[in-house]
Amino acid sequence: MKQSIKNCLVVDDLPFNTQVLKAQLTHIGLEVDCSFSGKSAIKMAFEKDYDFIFMDISMPDIKGDEAAQSILDYSTKEPRPIIFALSGHDAPELMPSCFTMWLTKPVSKQKLEAIIEQVSLND
């Protein structure tokens, strides 16, 4: 994995989900911040450069795809973050174009390592 990719934002309205994903990502050597709402995630993404954002698609304030699209539309940072959709349902055919990949929860540590390695090689 490239050293330059290290900052992640995990967004989920359920604290347990964010803590599990944060622990997995931290264990594989990434720095992780957490947000519990779409509005907060948008604000955080404009204040800090994130390499990856793991965004729950179903949140009460702003849907994950709306938050992700806002981050991509208004970001002036290059490169823009890679945003992964998180869902409890396996329905990648419904994935909006603002997401790079659909991940069905729970996501295994092995799956996270593989996708991070994959996108790092394409960087």
C-alpha atoms as a PDB file:
ATOM      1  CA  MET A   1       0.000   0.000   0.000  1.00  0.00           C
ATOM      2  CA  LYS A   2       1.278   3.479  -0.804  1.00  0.00           C
ATOM      3  CA  GLN A   3       2.243   5.586   2.186  1.00  0.00           C
ATOM      4  CA  SER A   4       0.444   8.645   0.835  1.00  0.00           C
ATOM      5  CA  ILE A   5      -2.995   7.084   1.323  1.00  0.00           C
ATOM      6  CA  LYS A   6      -3.759   7.194   4.983  1.00  0.00           C
ATOM      7  CA  ASN A   7      -6.711   9.418   5.928  1.00  0.00           C
ATOM      8  CA  CYS A   8     -10.212   7.987   6.088  1.00  0.00           C
ATOM      9  CA  LEU A   9     -13.605   9.287   7.102  1.00  0.00           C
ATOM     10  CA  VAL A  10     -16.223   6.776   8.236  1.00  0.00           C
ATOM     11  CA  VAL A  11     -19.813   8.064   8.108  1.00  0.00           C
ATOM     12  CA  ASP A  12     -22.690   6.143   9.690  1.00  0.00           C
ATOM     13  CA  ASP A  13     -25.509   7.258  11.969  1.00  0.00           C
ATOM     14  CA  LEU A  14     -24.998   4.171  14.169  1.00  0.00           C
ATOM     15  CA  PRO A  15     -21.979   4.606  16.467  1.00  0.00           C
ATOM     16  CA  PHE A  16     -21.398   0.839  16.681  1.00  0.00           C
ATOM     17  CA  ASN A  17     -20.959   0.633  12.896  1.00  0.00           C
ATOM     18  CA  THR A  18     -18.475   3.505  12.843  1.00  0.00           C
ATOM     19  CA  GLN A  19     -16.448   2.039  15.690  1.00  0.00           C
ATOM     20  CA  VAL A  20     -16.208  -1.410  14.066  1.00  0.00           C
ATOM     21  CA  LEU A  21     -15.086   0.025  10.732  1.00  0.00           C
ATOM     22  CA  LYS A  22     -12.712   2.463  12.443  1.00  0.00           C
ATOM     23  CA  ALA A  23     -11.067  -0.396  14.344  1.00  0.00           C
ATOM     24  CA  GLN A  24     -10.625  -2.423  11.153  1.00  0.00           C
ATOM     25  CA  LEU A  25      -9.157   0.474   9.186  1.00  0.00           C
ATOM     26  CA  THR A  26      -6.884   1.535  12.041  1.00  0.00           C
ATOM     27  CA  HIS A  27      -5.633  -2.041  12.341  1.00  0.00           C
ATOM     28  CA  ILE A  28      -4.497  -1.969   8.706  1.00  0.00           C
ATOM     29  CA  GLY A  29      -2.588   1.257   9.289  1.00  0.00           C
ATOM     30  CA  LEU A  30      -4.942   4.062   8.276  1.00  0.00           C
ATOM     31  CA  GLU A  31      -5.847   7.197  10.220  1.00  0.00           C
ATOM     32  CA  VAL A  32      -9.608   7.354  10.759  1.00  0.00           C
ATOM     33  CA  ASP A  33     -12.107  10.052  11.716  1.00  0.00           C
ATOM     34  CA  CYS A  34     -15.798   9.360  12.257  1.00  0.00           C
ATOM     35  CA  SER A  35     -18.967  11.268  11.518  1.00  0.00           C
ATOM     36  CA  PHE A  36     -22.513  10.367  12.476  1.00  0.00           C
ATOM     37  CA  SER A  37     -24.367  12.496   9.910  1.00  0.00           C
ATOM     38  CA  GLY A  38     -24.191  13.554   6.289  1.00  0.00           C
ATOM     39  CA  LYS A  39     -24.065  17.249   7.201  1.00  0.00           C
ATOM     40  CA  SER A  40     -21.145  16.696   9.540  1.00  0.00           C
ATOM     41  CA  ALA A  41     -19.350  14.561   6.923  1.00  0.00           C
ATOM     42  CA  ILE A  42     -19.608  17.337   4.321  1.00  0.00           C
ATOM     43  CA  LYS A  43     -18.154  19.856   6.796  1.00  0.00           C
ATOM     44  CA  MET A  44     -15.342  17.498   7.804  1.00  0.00           C
ATOM     45  CA  ALA A  45     -14.468  16.718   4.175  1.00  0.00           C
ATOM     46  CA  PHE A  46     -13.963  20.422   3.486  1.00  0.00           C
ATOM     47  CA  GLU A  47     -11.768  20.870   6.556  1.00  0.00           C
ATOM     48  CA  LYS A  48      -9.435  17.889   6.039  1.00  0.00           C
ATOM     49  CA  ASP A  49      -8.034  15.969   3.092  1.00  0.00           C
ATOM     50  CA  TYR A  50      -9.402  12.434   3.110  1.00  0.00           C
ATOM     51  CA  ASP A  51      -8.144   9.732   0.799  1.00  0.00           C
ATOM     52  CA  PHE A  52     -11.148   7.503   1.455  1.00  0.00           C
ATOM     53  CA  ILE A  53     -14.664   8.134   2.692  1.00  0.00           C
ATOM     54  CA  PHE A  54     -16.841   5.208   3.735  1.00  0.00           C
ATOM     55  CA  MET A  55     -20.407   6.577   3.538  1.00  0.00           C
ATOM     56  CA  ASP A  56     -23.546   4.857   4.822  1.00  0.00           C
ATOM     57  CA  ILE A  57     -26.233   5.358   2.192  1.00  0.00           C
ATOM     58  CA  SER A  58     -29.151   5.476   4.654  1.00  0.00           C
ATOM     59  CA  MET A  59     -28.899   8.277   7.167  1.00  0.00           C
ATOM     60  CA  PRO A  60     -31.629  10.394   8.756  1.00  0.00           C
ATOM     61  CA  ASP A  61     -30.414  13.913   7.928  1.00  0.00           C
ATOM     62  CA  ILE A  62     -28.974  13.709   4.402  1.00  0.00           C
ATOM     63  CA  LYS A  63     -28.861  10.541   2.344  1.00  0.00           C
ATOM     64  CA  GLY A  64     -25.366   9.202   1.806  1.00  0.00           C
ATOM     65  CA  ASP A  65     -25.428   9.723  -1.949  1.00  0.00           C
ATOM     66  CA  GLU A  66     -26.461  13.367  -1.501  1.00  0.00           C
ATOM     67  CA  ALA A  67     -23.645  13.965   0.983  1.00  0.00           C
ATOM     68  CA  ALA A  68     -21.136  12.169  -1.264  1.00  0.00           C
ATOM     69  CA  GLN A  69     -22.205  14.140  -4.321  1.00  0.00           C
ATOM     70  CA  SER A  70     -21.917  17.424  -2.386  1.00  0.00           C
ATOM     71  CA  ILE A  71     -18.399  16.518  -1.295  1.00  0.00           C
ATOM     72  CA  LEU A  72     -17.389  15.723  -4.880  1.00  0.00           C
ATOM     73  CA  ASP A  73     -19.171  18.708  -6.448  1.00  0.00           C
ATOM     74  CA  TYR A  74     -17.738  21.350  -4.172  1.00  0.00           C
ATOM     75  CA  SER A  75     -14.331  19.942  -3.332  1.00  0.00           C
ATOM     76  CA  THR A  76     -11.406  21.940  -4.634  1.00  0.00           C
ATOM     77  CA  LYS A  77      -8.859  19.422  -3.344  1.00  0.00           C
ATOM     78  CA  GLU A  78      -6.981  17.163  -5.729  1.00  0.00           C
ATOM     79  CA  PRO A  79      -7.159  14.319  -5.881  1.00  0.00           C
ATOM     80  CA  ARG A  80     -10.738  14.123  -4.723  1.00  0.00           C
ATOM     81  CA  PRO A  81     -11.509  11.457  -2.118  1.00  0.00           C
ATOM     82  CA  ILE A  82     -12.554   7.968  -3.132  1.00  0.00           C
ATOM     83  CA  ILE A  83     -16.017   7.407  -1.682  1.00  0.00           C
ATOM     84  CA  PHE A  84     -17.367   3.945  -0.898  1.00  0.00           C
ATOM     85  CA  ALA A  85     -21.080   3.255  -0.363  1.00  0.00           C
ATOM     86  CA  LEU A  86     -21.926   1.316   2.793  1.00  0.00           C
ATOM     87  CA  SER A  87     -25.212  -0.529   3.060  1.00  0.00           C
ATOM     88  CA  GLY A  88     -26.806  -3.351   4.974  1.00  0.00           C
ATOM     89  CA  HIS A  89     -28.267  -4.546   1.667  1.00  0.00           C
ATOM     90  CA  ASP A  90     -26.424  -6.176  -1.197  1.00  0.00           C
ATOM     91  CA  ALA A  91     -27.668  -4.070  -4.109  1.00  0.00           C
ATOM     92  CA  PRO A  92     -24.650  -2.682  -5.990  1.00  0.00           C
ATOM     93  CA  GLU A  93     -26.749  -2.238  -9.122  1.00  0.00           C
ATOM     94  CA  LEU A  94     -28.417   0.678  -7.308  1.00  0.00           C
ATOM     95  CA  MET A  95     -25.102   2.453  -6.650  1.00  0.00           C
ATOM     96  CA  PRO A  96     -25.136   6.140  -7.592  1.00  0.00           C
ATOM     97  CA  SER A  97     -22.200   7.310  -9.710  1.00  0.00           C
ATOM     98  CA  CYS A  98     -20.741   9.382  -6.859  1.00  0.00           C
ATOM     99  CA  PHE A  99     -19.506   6.154  -5.264  1.00  0.00           C
ATOM    100  CA  THR A 100     -16.474   4.146  -6.369  1.00  0.00           C
ATOM    101  CA  MET A 101     -17.647   0.837  -4.921  1.00  0.00           C
ATOM    102  CA  TRP A 102     -20.568  -0.678  -3.013  1.00  0.00           C
ATOM    103  CA  LEU A 103     -19.715  -2.425   0.266  1.00  0.00           C
ATOM    104  CA  THR A 104     -22.261  -4.537   2.098  1.00  0.00           C
ATOM    105  CA  LYS A 105     -22.069  -4.355   5.892  1.00  0.00           C
ATOM    106  CA  PRO A 106     -20.520  -5.937   7.800  1.00  0.00           C
ATOM    107  CA  VAL A 107     -17.307  -5.469   5.813  1.00  0.00           C
ATOM    108  CA  SER A 108     -14.496  -7.868   6.679  1.00  0.00           C
ATOM    109  CA  LYS A 109     -10.989  -6.629   7.386  1.00  0.00           C
ATOM    110  CA  GLN A 110      -9.735  -8.791   4.503  1.00  0.00           C
ATOM    111  CA  LYS A 111     -12.184  -7.133   2.094  1.00  0.00           C
ATOM    112  CA  LEU A 112     -11.103  -3.674   3.278  1.00  0.00           C
ATOM    113  CA  GLU A 113      -7.434  -4.533   2.793  1.00  0.00           C
ATOM    114  CA  ALA A 114      -8.148  -5.840  -0.707  1.00  0.00           C
ATOM    115  CA  ILE A 115     -10.127  -2.809  -1.905  1.00  0.00           C
ATOM    116  CA  ILE A 116      -7.660  -0.325  -0.440  1.00  0.00           C
ATOM    117  CA  GLU A 117      -4.809  -2.161  -2.130  1.00  0.00           C
ATOM    118  CA  GLN A 118      -6.801  -2.225  -5.401  1.00  0.00           C
ATOM    119  CA  VAL A 119      -7.537   1.503  -5.466  1.00  0.00           C
ATOM    120  CA  SER A 120      -4.006   2.302  -4.286  1.00  0.00           C
ATOM    121  CA  LEU A 121      -2.561   0.451  -7.276  1.00  0.00           C
ATOM    122  CA  ASN A 122      -4.799   2.492  -9.594  1.00  0.00           C
ATOM    123  CA  ASP A 123      -3.634   5.749  -8.022  1.00  0.00           C
END
